[in-house]
Amino acid sequence: MEVSTETNNDVLTLRLAGEATIYGASELKARLDNVFSDHRDCVSLELDLSGVTEMDSAGLQLALAAKREAVSLGKGFKVVAHGNASKALATLYNLDDYLNAAGKDNG
């Protein structure tokens, strides 16, 4: 799993690429925790899942945890793009609105 960040004004964009599965969940969780601690000054987090090639329920839980953490810190949150894997799980678990990607899908 590749994780990259970009800051534009006060908005932090977090891009995930590769597999977001149980096999890398603990590593990804640690990286997400670091992102929050390293970017406390951002006012909003955007999650870009367009590069995620495989996602299971553990990966989905981490996306949900990122939203929960952002909201608990008083930050805005939105998924700005889905790939096929994240979109399929969001639909399967009826989380399309909760993880709304502002109308942008990739693939």
C-alpha atoms as a PDB file:
ATOM      1  CA  MET A   1       0.000   0.000   0.000  1.00  0.00           C
ATOM      2  CA  GLU A   2       1.364   3.353  -1.044  1.00  0.00           C
ATOM      3  CA  VAL A   3       0.312   6.427   0.895  1.00  0.00           C
ATOM      4  CA  SER A   4       1.063   9.926  -0.332  1.00  0.00           C
ATOM      5  CA  THR A   5      -0.029  13.305   0.922  1.00  0.00           C
ATOM      6  CA  GLU A   6      -0.434  16.717  -0.616  1.00  0.00           C
ATOM      7  CA  THR A   7      -1.368  19.929   1.138  1.00  0.00           C
ATOM      8  CA  ASN A   8      -3.135  22.703  -0.726  1.00  0.00           C
ATOM      9  CA  ASN A   9      -3.995  25.685   1.449  1.00  0.00           C
ATOM     10  CA  ASP A  10      -5.426  24.074   4.598  1.00  0.00           C
ATOM     11  CA  VAL A  11      -6.666  20.915   2.871  1.00  0.00           C
ATOM     12  CA  LEU A  12      -4.709  17.695   3.166  1.00  0.00           C
ATOM     13  CA  THR A  13      -5.233  15.151   0.392  1.00  0.00           C
ATOM     14  CA  LEU A  14      -4.343  11.592   1.298  1.00  0.00           C
ATOM     15  CA  ARG A  15      -3.911   9.268  -1.695  1.00  0.00           C
ATOM     16  CA  LEU A  16      -3.930   5.518  -1.250  1.00  0.00           C
ATOM     17  CA  ALA A  17      -2.700   3.161  -3.959  1.00  0.00           C
ATOM     18  CA  GLY A  18      -2.415  -0.614  -4.072  1.00  0.00           C
ATOM     19  CA  GLU A  19      -4.109  -3.127  -1.800  1.00  0.00           C
ATOM     20  CA  ALA A  20      -6.053  -1.987   1.272  1.00  0.00           C
ATOM     21  CA  THR A  21      -6.616  -5.378   2.863  1.00  0.00           C
ATOM     22  CA  ILE A  22      -6.285  -7.117   6.203  1.00  0.00           C
ATOM     23  CA  TYR A  23      -2.722  -8.101   5.301  1.00  0.00           C
ATOM     24  CA  GLY A  24      -1.520  -4.503   5.507  1.00  0.00           C
ATOM     25  CA  ALA A  25      -4.150  -3.042   7.822  1.00  0.00           C
ATOM     26  CA  SER A  26      -1.928  -2.521  10.864  1.00  0.00           C
ATOM     27  CA  GLU A  27       0.737  -0.774   8.784  1.00  0.00           C
ATOM     28  CA  LEU A  28      -1.866   1.399   7.075  1.00  0.00           C
ATOM     29  CA  LYS A  29      -3.466   2.279  10.434  1.00  0.00           C
ATOM     30  CA  ALA A  30      -0.084   3.413  11.772  1.00  0.00           C
ATOM     31  CA  ARG A  31       0.502   5.521   8.666  1.00  0.00           C
ATOM     32  CA  LEU A  32      -2.934   7.132   8.983  1.00  0.00           C
ATOM     33  CA  ASP A  33      -2.220   7.919  12.636  1.00  0.00           C
ATOM     34  CA  ASN A  34       1.036   9.585  11.587  1.00  0.00           C
ATOM     35  CA  VAL A  35      -0.742  11.635   8.946  1.00  0.00           C
ATOM     36  CA  PHE A  36      -3.130  13.020  11.550  1.00  0.00           C
ATOM     37  CA  SER A  37      -0.347  13.836  14.010  1.00  0.00           C
ATOM     38  CA  ASP A  38       1.905  15.357  11.315  1.00  0.00           C
ATOM     39  CA  HIS A  39      -0.836  17.562   9.816  1.00  0.00           C
ATOM     40  CA  ARG A  40      -2.728  18.898  12.815  1.00  0.00           C
ATOM     41  CA  ASP A  41      -2.940  22.337  11.219  1.00  0.00           C
ATOM     42  CA  CYS A  42      -5.055  21.210   8.251  1.00  0.00           C
ATOM     43  CA  VAL A  43      -8.749  22.051   8.385  1.00  0.00           C
ATOM     44  CA  SER A  44      -9.956  19.293   6.083  1.00  0.00           C
ATOM     45  CA  LEU A  45      -8.905  15.839   4.923  1.00  0.00           C
ATOM     46  CA  GLU A  46      -9.624  14.554   1.437  1.00  0.00           C
ATOM     47  CA  LEU A  47      -9.234  10.839   0.846  1.00  0.00           C
ATOM     48  CA  ASP A  48      -8.439   9.719  -2.690  1.00  0.00           C
ATOM     49  CA  LEU A  49      -9.089   5.995  -3.133  1.00  0.00           C
ATOM     50  CA  SER A  50      -8.833   5.965  -6.930  1.00  0.00           C
ATOM     51  CA  GLY A  51      -5.522   4.076  -6.824  1.00  0.00           C
ATOM     52  CA  VAL A  52      -6.760   1.299  -4.550  1.00  0.00           C
ATOM     53  CA  THR A  53      -6.698  -1.925  -6.557  1.00  0.00           C
ATOM     54  CA  GLU A  54      -8.087  -4.255  -3.894  1.00  0.00           C
ATOM     55  CA  MET A  55     -10.026  -3.500  -0.719  1.00  0.00           C
ATOM     56  CA  ASP A  56     -11.616  -5.735   1.865  1.00  0.00           C
ATOM     57  CA  SER A  57     -13.631  -4.888   4.951  1.00  0.00           C
ATOM     58  CA  ALA A  58     -10.438  -4.054   6.896  1.00  0.00           C
ATOM     59  CA  GLY A  59      -9.534  -1.412   4.324  1.00  0.00           C
ATOM     60  CA  LEU A  60     -13.061  -0.052   4.419  1.00  0.00           C
ATOM     61  CA  GLN A  61     -12.905   0.111   8.212  1.00  0.00           C
ATOM     62  CA  LEU A  62      -9.731   2.182   7.961  1.00  0.00           C
ATOM     63  CA  ALA A  63     -11.420   4.632   5.591  1.00  0.00           C
ATOM     64  CA  LEU A  64     -14.293   4.909   8.060  1.00  0.00           C
ATOM     65  CA  ALA A  65     -11.821   5.357  10.930  1.00  0.00           C
ATOM     66  CA  ALA A  66     -10.093   8.166   9.026  1.00  0.00           C
ATOM     67  CA  LYS A  67     -13.418   9.952   8.690  1.00  0.00           C
ATOM     68  CA  ARG A  68     -14.219   9.405  12.380  1.00  0.00           C
ATOM     69  CA  GLU A  69     -10.821  10.741  13.416  1.00  0.00           C
ATOM     70  CA  ALA A  70     -11.097  13.808  11.185  1.00  0.00           C
ATOM     71  CA  VAL A  71     -14.554  14.630  12.518  1.00  0.00           C
ATOM     72  CA  SER A  72     -13.455  14.093  16.131  1.00  0.00           C
ATOM     73  CA  LEU A  73     -10.634  16.592  15.563  1.00  0.00           C
ATOM     74  CA  GLY A  74     -13.089  19.118  14.127  1.00  0.00           C
ATOM     75  CA  LYS A  75     -11.827  18.738  10.576  1.00  0.00           C
ATOM     76  CA  GLY A  76     -13.793  18.363   7.385  1.00  0.00           C
ATOM     77  CA  PHE A  77     -13.639  15.052   5.552  1.00  0.00           C
ATOM     78  CA  LYS A  78     -14.610  13.742   2.150  1.00  0.00           C
ATOM     79  CA  VAL A  79     -13.671  10.987  -0.225  1.00  0.00           C
ATOM     80  CA  VAL A  80     -12.780  12.785  -3.440  1.00  0.00           C
ATOM     81  CA  ALA A  81     -12.411   9.714  -5.658  1.00  0.00           C
ATOM     82  CA  HIS A  82     -13.124   5.991  -5.560  1.00  0.00           C
ATOM     83  CA  GLY A  83     -11.579   3.160  -7.505  1.00  0.00           C
ATOM     84  CA  ASN A  84     -13.579   0.080  -8.436  1.00  0.00           C
ATOM     85  CA  ALA A  85     -12.606  -1.757  -5.236  1.00  0.00           C
ATOM     86  CA  SER A  86     -13.614   0.970  -2.774  1.00  0.00           C
ATOM     87  CA  LYS A  87     -16.760   1.865  -4.701  1.00  0.00           C
ATOM     88  CA  ALA A  88     -17.901  -1.771  -4.748  1.00  0.00           C
ATOM     89  CA  LEU A  89     -17.491  -2.097  -0.961  1.00  0.00           C
ATOM     90  CA  ALA A  90     -19.126   1.252  -0.239  1.00  0.00           C
ATOM     91  CA  THR A  91     -22.105   0.120  -2.313  1.00  0.00           C
ATOM     92  CA  LEU A  92     -22.178  -3.371  -0.786  1.00  0.00           C
ATOM     93  CA  TYR A  93     -22.297  -1.964   2.751  1.00  0.00           C
ATOM     94  CA  ASN A  94     -24.672   0.863   1.792  1.00  0.00           C
ATOM     95  CA  LEU A  95     -22.074   3.512   2.629  1.00  0.00           C
ATOM     96  CA  ASP A  96     -22.183   5.420  -0.651  1.00  0.00           C
ATOM     97  CA  ASP A  97     -23.610   8.550   0.954  1.00  0.00           C
ATOM     98  CA  TYR A  98     -21.429   8.293   4.045  1.00  0.00           C
ATOM     99  CA  LEU A  99     -18.325   7.968   1.868  1.00  0.00           C
ATOM    100  CA  ASN A 100     -19.592  10.169  -0.935  1.00  0.00           C
ATOM    101  CA  ALA A 101     -16.928  10.800  -3.520  1.00  0.00           C
ATOM    102  CA  ALA A 102     -18.454  14.043  -4.775  1.00  0.00           C
ATOM    103  CA  GLY A 103     -19.576  12.296  -7.957  1.00  0.00           C
ATOM    104  CA  LYS A 104     -16.058  11.216  -8.987  1.00  0.00           C
ATOM    105  CA  ASP A 105     -15.355   7.588  -9.741  1.00  0.00           C
ATOM    106  CA  ASN A 106     -12.256   6.141 -11.343  1.00  0.00           C
ATOM    107  CA  GLY A 107     -12.625   2.989 -13.340  1.00  0.00           C
END
